[in-house]
Amino acid sequence: MSGYLGRLVSSELTRRKAWPVQDVEPDASDVAQALEALAEVRASIDELDEIAGRLARTATAYGASWEDVAGRLKLPADMTETAFGRGEGGRQ
């Protein structure tokens, strides 16, 4: 599992070398710069959420309960399973 996470982080760092926020013109308005940065942060959060979901489903596939996963995330088990329990490779 740690090898998988290492490869995931390495590939993400390589992929992220050019951030779209760097494309904002320096003379763009403060509003435009803030909105572009907000969109990039939201996209990053969505990507991290997808990674967390894959890891949660992997943990349950190896025998962890949704209560175990929820405890690590400090979330209620029913919310955790609802958020992460379905999707590619997840339980239906």
PDB file of N, CA and C in Angstrom:
ATOM      1  N   MET A   1       0.823  -1.185   0.000  1.00  0.00           N
ATOM      2  CA  MET A   1       0.000   0.000   0.000  1.00  0.00           C
ATOM      3  C   MET A   1       0.874   1.257   0.000  1.00  0.00           C
ATOM      4  N   SER A   2       1.935   1.266   0.791  1.00  0.00           N
ATOM      5  CA  SER A   2       2.788   2.454   0.842  1.00  0.00           C
ATOM      6  C   SER A   2       3.473   2.698  -0.504  1.00  0.00           C
ATOM      7  N   GLY A   3       3.820   1.629  -1.218  1.00  0.00           N
ATOM      8  CA  GLY A   3       4.393   1.785  -2.552  1.00  0.00           C
ATOM      9  C   GLY A   3       3.401   2.433  -3.511  1.00  0.00           C
ATOM     10  N   TYR A   4       2.152   2.006  -3.413  1.00  0.00           N
ATOM     11  CA  TYR A   4       1.092   2.592  -4.238  1.00  0.00           C
ATOM     12  C   TYR A   4       0.958   4.085  -3.952  1.00  0.00           C
ATOM     13  N   LEU A   5       0.929   4.455  -2.676  1.00  0.00           N
ATOM     14  CA  LEU A   5       0.791   5.861  -2.310  1.00  0.00           C
ATOM     15  C   LEU A   5       1.987   6.674  -2.786  1.00  0.00           C
ATOM     16  N   GLY A   6       3.181   6.107  -2.696  1.00  0.00           N
ATOM     17  CA  GLY A   6       4.372   6.794  -3.174  1.00  0.00           C
ATOM     18  C   GLY A   6       4.302   7.073  -4.664  1.00  0.00           C
ATOM     19  N   ARG A   7       3.874   6.075  -5.426  1.00  0.00           N
ATOM     20  CA  ARG A   7       3.733   6.273  -6.875  1.00  0.00           C
ATOM     21  C   ARG A   7       2.650   7.295  -7.190  1.00  0.00           C
ATOM     22  N   LEU A   8       1.572   7.267  -6.429  1.00  0.00           N
ATOM     23  CA  LEU A   8       0.479   8.207  -6.629  1.00  0.00           C
ATOM     24  C   LEU A   8       0.950   9.644  -6.391  1.00  0.00           C
ATOM     25  N   VAL A   9       1.675   9.859  -5.313  1.00  0.00           N
ATOM     26  CA  VAL A   9       2.186  11.194  -5.003  1.00  0.00           C
ATOM     27  C   VAL A   9       3.181  11.643  -6.064  1.00  0.00           C
ATOM     28  N   SER A  10       4.089  10.765  -6.467  1.00  0.00           N
ATOM     29  CA  SER A  10       5.077  11.127  -7.497  1.00  0.00           C
ATOM     30  C   SER A  10       4.405  11.522  -8.807  1.00  0.00           C
ATOM     31  N   SER A  11       3.426  10.739  -9.227  1.00  0.00           N
ATOM     32  CA  SER A  11       2.755  11.059 -10.484  1.00  0.00           C
ATOM     33  C   SER A  11       1.961  12.356 -10.368  1.00  0.00           C
ATOM     34  N   GLU A  12       1.377  12.603  -9.212  1.00  0.00           N
ATOM     35  CA  GLU A  12       0.624  13.843  -9.015  1.00  0.00           C
ATOM     36  C   GLU A  12       1.554  15.051  -9.042  1.00  0.00           C
ATOM     37  N   LEU A  13       2.716  14.945  -8.418  1.00  0.00           N
ATOM     38  CA  LEU A  13       3.671  16.059  -8.429  1.00  0.00           C
ATOM     39  C   LEU A  13       4.154  16.350  -9.843  1.00  0.00           C
ATOM     40  N   THR A  14       4.395  15.309 -10.607  1.00  0.00           N
ATOM     41  CA  THR A  14       4.816  15.487 -11.998  1.00  0.00           C
ATOM     42  C   THR A  14       3.712  16.156 -12.809  1.00  0.00           C
ATOM     43  N   ARG A  15       2.494  15.709 -12.611  1.00  0.00           N
ATOM     44  CA  ARG A  15       1.354  16.234 -13.352  1.00  0.00           C
ATOM     45  C   ARG A  15       1.083  17.698 -13.016  1.00  0.00           C
ATOM     46  N   ARG A  16       1.372  18.080 -11.803  1.00  0.00           N
ATOM     47  CA  ARG A  16       1.035  19.407 -11.312  1.00  0.00           C
ATOM     48  C   ARG A  16       2.108  20.468 -11.565  1.00  0.00           C
ATOM     49  N   LYS A  17       3.123  20.163 -12.343  1.00  0.00           N
ATOM     50  CA  LYS A  17       4.207  21.136 -12.544  1.00  0.00           C
ATOM     51  C   LYS A  17       3.701  22.451 -13.113  1.00  0.00           C
ATOM     52  N   ALA A  18       2.719  22.425 -13.975  1.00  0.00           N
ATOM     53  CA  ALA A  18       2.153  23.659 -14.533  1.00  0.00           C
ATOM     54  C   ALA A  18       0.756  23.863 -13.957  1.00  0.00           C
ATOM     55  N   TRP A  19       0.619  24.810 -13.076  1.00  0.00           N
ATOM     56  CA  TRP A  19      -0.676  25.109 -12.475  1.00  0.00           C
ATOM     57  C   TRP A  19      -1.416  26.113 -13.340  1.00  0.00           C
ATOM     58  N   PRO A  20      -2.686  25.870 -13.635  1.00  0.00           N
ATOM     59  CA  PRO A  20      -3.455  26.821 -14.441  1.00  0.00           C
ATOM     60  C   PRO A  20      -3.475  28.225 -13.853  1.00  0.00           C
ATOM     61  N   VAL A  21      -3.393  28.336 -12.540  1.00  0.00           N
ATOM     62  CA  VAL A  21      -3.430  29.640 -11.904  1.00  0.00           C
ATOM     63  C   VAL A  21      -2.232  30.492 -12.341  1.00  0.00           C
ATOM     64  N   GLN A  22      -1.167  29.847 -12.760  1.00  0.00           N
ATOM     65  CA  GLN A  22      -0.007  30.587 -13.244  1.00  0.00           C
ATOM     66  C   GLN A  22      -0.308  31.268 -14.572  1.00  0.00           C
ATOM     67  N   ASP A  23      -1.356  30.829 -15.253  1.00  0.00           N
ATOM     68  CA  ASP A  23      -1.714  31.401 -16.545  1.00  0.00           C
ATOM     69  C   ASP A  23      -2.486  32.705 -16.417  1.00  0.00           C
ATOM     70  N   VAL A  24      -2.895  33.066 -15.208  1.00  0.00           N
ATOM     71  CA  VAL A  24      -3.631  34.310 -15.024  1.00  0.00           C
ATOM     72  C   VAL A  24      -2.676  35.475 -15.246  1.00  0.00           C
ATOM     73  N   GLU A  25      -3.120  36.407 -16.040  1.00  0.00           N
ATOM     74  CA  GLU A  25      -2.300  37.576 -16.327  1.00  0.00           C
ATOM     75  C   GLU A  25      -2.070  38.381 -15.051  1.00  0.00           C
ATOM     76  N   PRO A  26      -0.833  38.798 -14.815  1.00  0.00           N
ATOM     77  CA  PRO A  26      -0.540  39.577 -13.605  1.00  0.00           C
ATOM     78  C   PRO A  26      -1.353  40.868 -13.523  1.00  0.00           C
ATOM     79  N   ASP A  27      -1.728  41.411 -14.673  1.00  0.00           N
ATOM     80  CA  ASP A  27      -2.509  42.648 -14.640  1.00  0.00           C
ATOM     81  C   ASP A  27      -4.018  42.389 -14.639  1.00  0.00           C
ATOM     82  N   ALA A  28      -4.415  41.113 -14.515  1.00  0.00           N
ATOM     83  CA  ALA A  28      -5.840  40.789 -14.401  1.00  0.00           C
ATOM     84  C   ALA A  28      -6.359  41.371 -13.090  1.00  0.00           C
ATOM     85  N   SER A  29      -7.637  41.604 -13.056  1.00  0.00           N
ATOM     86  CA  SER A  29      -8.226  42.183 -11.843  1.00  0.00           C
ATOM     87  C   SER A  29      -8.073  41.227 -10.664  1.00  0.00           C
ATOM     88  N   ASP A  30      -8.121  41.799  -9.489  1.00  0.00           N
ATOM     89  CA  ASP A  30      -8.044  40.982  -8.282  1.00  0.00           C
ATOM     90  C   ASP A  30      -9.167  39.953  -8.250  1.00  0.00           C
ATOM     91  N   VAL A  31     -10.331  40.342  -8.730  1.00  0.00           N
ATOM     92  CA  VAL A  31     -11.475  39.429  -8.771  1.00  0.00           C
ATOM     93  C   VAL A  31     -11.170  38.247  -9.687  1.00  0.00           C
ATOM     94  N   ALA A  32     -10.654  38.509 -10.877  1.00  0.00           N
ATOM     95  CA  ALA A  32     -10.328  37.438 -11.826  1.00  0.00           C
ATOM     96  C   ALA A  32      -9.276  36.504 -11.252  1.00  0.00           C
ATOM     97  N   GLN A  33      -8.261  37.066 -10.613  1.00  0.00           N
ATOM     98  CA  GLN A  33      -7.216  36.241 -10.014  1.00  0.00           C
ATOM     99  C   GLN A  33      -7.782  35.384  -8.885  1.00  0.00           C
ATOM    100  N   ALA A  34      -8.630  35.975  -8.054  1.00  0.00           N
ATOM    101  CA  ALA A  34      -9.214  35.231  -6.933  1.00  0.00           C
ATOM    102  C   ALA A  34     -10.124  34.116  -7.432  1.00  0.00           C
ATOM    103  N   LEU A  35     -10.923  34.398  -8.453  1.00  0.00           N
ATOM    104  CA  LEU A  35     -11.830  33.380  -8.984  1.00  0.00           C
ATOM    105  C   LEU A  35     -11.067  32.241  -9.649  1.00  0.00           C
ATOM    106  N   GLU A  36      -9.989  32.554 -10.353  1.00  0.00           N
ATOM    107  CA  GLU A  36      -9.179  31.510 -10.974  1.00  0.00           C
ATOM    108  C   GLU A  36      -8.533  30.625  -9.909  1.00  0.00           C
ATOM    109  N   ALA A  37      -8.013  31.254  -8.869  1.00  0.00           N
ATOM    110  CA  ALA A  37      -7.412  30.491  -7.779  1.00  0.00           C
ATOM    111  C   ALA A  37      -8.459  29.628  -7.083  1.00  0.00           C
ATOM    112  N   LEU A  38      -9.647  30.165  -6.870  1.00  0.00           N
ATOM    113  CA  LEU A  38     -10.734  29.409  -6.245  1.00  0.00           C
ATOM    114  C   LEU A  38     -11.108  28.191  -7.077  1.00  0.00           C
ATOM    115  N   ALA A  39     -11.203  28.371  -8.383  1.00  0.00           N
ATOM    116  CA  ALA A  39     -11.538  27.243  -9.267  1.00  0.00           C
ATOM    117  C   ALA A  39     -10.462  26.166  -9.201  1.00  0.00           C
ATOM    118  N   GLU A  40      -9.198  26.560  -9.156  1.00  0.00           N
ATOM    119  CA  GLU A  40      -8.107  25.588  -9.076  1.00  0.00           C
ATOM    120  C   GLU A  40      -8.121  24.835  -7.748  1.00  0.00           C
ATOM    121  N   VAL A  41      -8.373  25.545  -6.662  1.00  0.00           N
ATOM    122  CA  VAL A  41      -8.451  24.888  -5.351  1.00  0.00           C
ATOM    123  C   VAL A  41      -9.611  23.906  -5.326  1.00  0.00           C
ATOM    124  N   ARG A  42     -10.758  24.303  -5.859  1.00  0.00           N
ATOM    125  CA  ARG A  42     -11.919  23.408  -5.885  1.00  0.00           C
ATOM    126  C   ARG A  42     -11.616  22.153  -6.693  1.00  0.00           C
ATOM    127  N   ALA A  43     -10.952  22.306  -7.824  1.00  0.00           N
ATOM    128  CA  ALA A  43     -10.583  21.156  -8.648  1.00  0.00           C
ATOM    129  C   ALA A  43      -9.622  20.245  -7.890  1.00  0.00           C
ATOM    130  N   SER A  44      -8.695  20.829  -7.154  1.00  0.00           N
ATOM    131  CA  SER A  44      -7.746  20.034  -6.364  1.00  0.00           C
ATOM    132  C   SER A  44      -8.464  19.266  -5.263  1.00  0.00           C
ATOM    133  N   ILE A  45      -9.416  19.910  -4.613  1.00  0.00           N
ATOM    134  CA  ILE A  45     -10.196  19.234  -3.568  1.00  0.00           C
ATOM    135  C   ILE A  45     -10.963  18.062  -4.157  1.00  0.00           C
ATOM    136  N   ASP A  46     -11.563  18.264  -5.328  1.00  0.00           N
ATOM    137  CA  ASP A  46     -12.301  17.180  -5.982  1.00  0.00           C
ATOM    138  C   ASP A  46     -11.379  16.004  -6.309  1.00  0.00           C
ATOM    139  N   GLU A  47     -10.176  16.301  -6.793  1.00  0.00           N
ATOM    140  CA  GLU A  47      -9.214  15.235  -7.109  1.00  0.00           C
ATOM    141  C   GLU A  47      -8.803  14.486  -5.846  1.00  0.00           C
ATOM    142  N   LEU A  48      -8.542  15.214  -4.770  1.00  0.00           N
ATOM    143  CA  LEU A  48      -8.176  14.563  -3.509  1.00  0.00           C
ATOM    144  C   LEU A  48      -9.332  13.725  -2.973  1.00  0.00           C
ATOM    145  N   ASP A  49     -10.546  14.192  -3.150  1.00  0.00           N
ATOM    146  CA  ASP A  49     -11.719  13.439  -2.715  1.00  0.00           C
ATOM    147  C   ASP A  49     -11.824  12.125  -3.488  1.00  0.00           C
ATOM    148  N   GLU A  50     -11.524  12.161  -4.783  1.00  0.00           N
ATOM    149  CA  GLU A  50     -11.533  10.933  -5.584  1.00  0.00           C
ATOM    150  C   GLU A  50     -10.463   9.960  -5.089  1.00  0.00           C
ATOM    151  N   ILE A  51      -9.293  10.466  -4.752  1.00  0.00           N
ATOM    152  CA  ILE A  51      -8.214   9.620  -4.228  1.00  0.00           C
ATOM    153  C   ILE A  51      -8.636   9.019  -2.891  1.00  0.00           C
ATOM    154  N   ALA A  52      -9.212   9.846  -2.021  1.00  0.00           N
ATOM    155  CA  ALA A  52      -9.676   9.349  -0.725  1.00  0.00           C
ATOM    156  C   ALA A  52     -10.723   8.257  -0.909  1.00  0.00           C
ATOM    157  N   GLY A  53     -11.611   8.438  -1.869  1.00  0.00           N
ATOM    158  CA  GLY A  53     -12.625   7.418  -2.138  1.00  0.00           C
ATOM    159  C   GLY A  53     -12.013   6.106  -2.581  1.00  0.00           C
ATOM    160  N   ARG A  54     -11.034   6.187  -3.487  1.00  0.00           N
ATOM    161  CA  ARG A  54     -10.367   4.961  -3.948  1.00  0.00           C
ATOM    162  C   ARG A  54      -9.670   4.263  -2.787  1.00  0.00           C
ATOM    163  N   LEU A  55      -9.000   5.044  -1.936  1.00  0.00           N
ATOM    164  CA  LEU A  55      -8.308   4.452  -0.793  1.00  0.00           C
ATOM    165  C   LEU A  55      -9.290   3.857   0.214  1.00  0.00           C
ATOM    166  N   ALA A  56     -10.407   4.529   0.420  1.00  0.00           N
ATOM    167  CA  ALA A  56     -11.425   4.009   1.335  1.00  0.00           C
ATOM    168  C   ALA A  56     -11.985   2.690   0.819  1.00  0.00           C
ATOM    169  N   ARG A  57     -12.290   2.638  -0.479  1.00  0.00           N
ATOM    170  CA  ARG A  57     -12.807   1.387  -1.056  1.00  0.00           C
ATOM    171  C   ARG A  57     -11.756   0.284  -1.023  1.00  0.00           C
ATOM    172  N   THR A  58     -10.501   0.664  -1.221  1.00  0.00           N
ATOM    173  CA  THR A  58      -9.417  -0.323  -1.133  1.00  0.00           C
ATOM    174  C   THR A  58      -9.329  -0.882   0.280  1.00  0.00           C
ATOM    175  N   ALA A  59      -9.397   0.011   1.268  1.00  0.00           N
ATOM    176  CA  ALA A  59      -9.332  -0.439   2.665  1.00  0.00           C
ATOM    177  C   ALA A  59     -10.465  -1.408   2.984  1.00  0.00           C
ATOM    178  N   THR A  60     -11.678  -1.094   2.513  1.00  0.00           N
ATOM    179  CA  THR A  60     -12.787  -2.006   2.795  1.00  0.00           C
ATOM    180  C   THR A  60     -12.652  -3.302   2.016  1.00  0.00           C
ATOM    181  N   ALA A  61     -12.074  -3.234   0.826  1.00  0.00           N
ATOM    182  CA  ALA A  61     -11.857  -4.460   0.050  1.00  0.00           C
ATOM    183  C   ALA A  61     -10.872  -5.388   0.767  1.00  0.00           C
ATOM    184  N   TYR A  62      -9.946  -4.812   1.523  1.00  0.00           N
ATOM    185  CA  TYR A  62      -8.977  -5.604   2.280  1.00  0.00           C
ATOM    186  C   TYR A  62      -9.483  -6.000   3.658  1.00  0.00           C
ATOM    187  N   GLY A  63     -10.717  -5.609   3.990  1.00  0.00           N
ATOM    188  CA  GLY A  63     -11.312  -6.084   5.233  1.00  0.00           C
ATOM    189  C   GLY A  63     -11.658  -5.032   6.260  1.00  0.00           C
ATOM    190  N   ALA A  64     -11.295  -3.775   6.033  1.00  0.00           N
ATOM    191  CA  ALA A  64     -11.682  -2.722   6.981  1.00  0.00           C
ATOM    192  C   ALA A  64     -13.184  -2.497   6.872  1.00  0.00           C
ATOM    193  N   SER A  65     -13.794  -2.127   7.965  1.00  0.00           N
ATOM    194  CA  SER A  65     -15.220  -1.785   7.934  1.00  0.00           C
ATOM    195  C   SER A  65     -15.357  -0.301   7.599  1.00  0.00           C
ATOM    196  N   TRP A  66     -16.558   0.094   7.224  1.00  0.00           N
ATOM    197  CA  TRP A  66     -16.794   1.511   6.978  1.00  0.00           C
ATOM    198  C   TRP A  66     -16.647   2.297   8.269  1.00  0.00           C
ATOM    199  N   GLU A  67     -16.912   1.645   9.411  1.00  0.00           N
ATOM    200  CA  GLU A  67     -16.693   2.301  10.699  1.00  0.00           C
ATOM    201  C   GLU A  67     -15.202   2.575  10.908  1.00  0.00           C
ATOM    202  N   ASP A  68     -14.340   1.626  10.496  1.00  0.00           N
ATOM    203  CA  ASP A  68     -12.885   1.840  10.578  1.00  0.00           C
ATOM    204  C   ASP A  68     -12.463   3.040   9.726  1.00  0.00           C
ATOM    205  N   VAL A  69     -12.953   3.057   8.495  1.00  0.00           N
ATOM    206  CA  VAL A  69     -12.612   4.145   7.573  1.00  0.00           C
ATOM    207  C   VAL A  69     -13.129   5.473   8.136  1.00  0.00           C
ATOM    208  N   ALA A  70     -14.378   5.482   8.574  1.00  0.00           N
ATOM    209  CA  ALA A  70     -14.983   6.706   9.108  1.00  0.00           C
ATOM    210  C   ALA A  70     -14.215   7.217  10.321  1.00  0.00           C
ATOM    211  N   GLY A  71     -13.756   6.297  11.162  1.00  0.00           N
ATOM    212  CA  GLY A  71     -12.990   6.703  12.334  1.00  0.00           C
ATOM    213  C   GLY A  71     -11.711   7.425  11.965  1.00  0.00           C
ATOM    214  N   ARG A  72     -11.041   6.944  10.922  1.00  0.00           N
ATOM    215  CA  ARG A  72      -9.808   7.594  10.460  1.00  0.00           C
ATOM    216  C   ARG A  72     -10.085   8.971   9.876  1.00  0.00           C
ATOM    217  N   LEU A  73     -11.265   9.119   9.274  1.00  0.00           N
ATOM    218  CA  LEU A  73     -11.627  10.389   8.646  1.00  0.00           C
ATOM    219  C   LEU A  73     -12.372  11.325   9.596  1.00  0.00           C
ATOM    220  N   LYS A  74     -12.681  10.805  10.783  1.00  0.00           N
ATOM    221  CA  LYS A  74     -13.449  11.566  11.778  1.00  0.00           C
ATOM    222  C   LYS A  74     -14.797  12.024  11.212  1.00  0.00           C
ATOM    223  N   LEU A  75     -15.456  11.063  10.552  1.00  0.00           N
ATOM    224  CA  LEU A  75     -16.777  11.290   9.970  1.00  0.00           C
ATOM    225  C   LEU A  75     -17.719  10.190  10.428  1.00  0.00           C
ATOM    226  N   PRO A  76     -19.029  10.431  10.401  1.00  0.00           N
ATOM    227  CA  PRO A  76     -19.974   9.353  10.689  1.00  0.00           C
ATOM    228  C   PRO A  76     -19.866   8.257   9.626  1.00  0.00           C
ATOM    229  N   ALA A  77     -19.998   7.010  10.046  1.00  0.00           N
ATOM    230  CA  ALA A  77     -19.837   5.872   9.135  1.00  0.00           C
ATOM    231  C   ALA A  77     -20.826   5.921   7.976  1.00  0.00           C
ATOM    232  N   ASP A  78     -22.076   6.292   8.248  1.00  0.00           N
ATOM    233  CA  ASP A  78     -23.057   6.306   7.164  1.00  0.00           C
ATOM    234  C   ASP A  78     -22.710   7.366   6.113  1.00  0.00           C
ATOM    235  N   MET A  79     -22.210   8.512   6.550  1.00  0.00           N
ATOM    236  CA  MET A  79     -21.796   9.549   5.593  1.00  0.00           C
ATOM    237  C   MET A  79     -20.587   9.091   4.790  1.00  0.00           C
ATOM    238  N   THR A  80     -19.667   8.408   5.455  1.00  0.00           N
ATOM    239  CA  THR A  80     -18.456   7.947   4.788  1.00  0.00           C
ATOM    240  C   THR A  80     -18.799   6.927   3.715  1.00  0.00           C
ATOM    241  N   GLU A  81     -19.626   5.967   4.056  1.00  0.00           N
ATOM    242  CA  GLU A  81     -20.004   4.955   3.068  1.00  0.00           C
ATOM    243  C   GLU A  81     -20.796   5.571   1.926  1.00  0.00           C
ATOM    244  N   THR A  82     -21.664   6.522   2.229  1.00  0.00           N
ATOM    245  CA  THR A  82     -22.424   7.196   1.177  1.00  0.00           C
ATOM    246  C   THR A  82     -21.492   7.960   0.241  1.00  0.00           C
ATOM    247  N   ALA A  83     -20.514   8.658   0.813  1.00  0.00           N
ATOM    248  CA  ALA A  83     -19.608   9.479   0.009  1.00  0.00           C
ATOM    249  C   ALA A  83     -18.618   8.646  -0.794  1.00  0.00           C
ATOM    250  N   PHE A  84     -18.087   7.579  -0.189  1.00  0.00           N
ATOM    251  CA  PHE A  84     -16.984   6.849  -0.797  1.00  0.00           C
ATOM    252  C   PHE A  84     -17.315   5.423  -1.205  1.00  0.00           C
ATOM    253  N   GLY A  85     -18.431   4.900  -0.788  1.00  0.00           N
ATOM    254  CA  GLY A  85     -18.723   3.491  -0.988  1.00  0.00           C
ATOM    255  C   GLY A  85     -19.146   3.091  -2.375  1.00  0.00           C
ATOM    256  N   ARG A  86     -19.453   4.046  -3.192  1.00  0.00           N
ATOM    257  CA  ARG A  86     -19.854   3.739  -4.555  1.00  0.00           C
ATOM    258  C   ARG A  86     -18.883   4.407  -5.502  1.00  0.00           C
ATOM    259  N   GLY A  87     -18.802   3.868  -6.657  1.00  0.00           N
ATOM    260  CA  GLY A  87     -17.890   4.424  -7.657  1.00  0.00           C
ATOM    261  C   GLY A  87     -17.098   3.315  -8.291  1.00  0.00           C
ATOM    262  N   GLU A  88     -16.099   3.692  -9.044  1.00  0.00           N
ATOM    263  CA  GLU A  88     -15.295   2.716  -9.750  1.00  0.00           C
ATOM    264  C   GLU A  88     -14.664   1.743  -8.763  1.00  0.00           C
ATOM    265  N   GLY A  89     -15.027   0.505  -8.853  1.00  0.00           N
ATOM    266  CA  GLY A  89     -14.486  -0.519  -7.973  1.00  0.00           C
ATOM    267  C   GLY A  89     -15.150  -0.566  -6.611  1.00  0.00           C
ATOM    268  N   GLY A  90     -16.083   0.342  -6.328  1.00  0.00           N
ATOM    269  CA  GLY A  90     -16.734   0.365  -5.032  1.00  0.00           C
ATOM    270  C   GLY A  90     -17.902  -0.589  -4.959  1.00  0.00           C
ATOM    271  N   ARG A  91     -18.387  -0.769  -3.759  1.00  0.00           N
ATOM    272  CA  ARG A  91     -19.552  -1.623  -3.559  1.00  0.00           C
ATOM    273  C   ARG A  91     -20.788  -0.913  -4.060  1.00  0.00           C
ATOM    274  N   GLN A  92     -21.676  -1.656  -4.631  1.00  0.00           N
ATOM    275  CA  GLN A  92     -22.903  -1.051  -5.153  1.00  0.00           C
ATOM    276  C   GLN A  92     -24.038  -1.279  -4.195  1.00  0.00           C
TER     277      GLN A  92
END
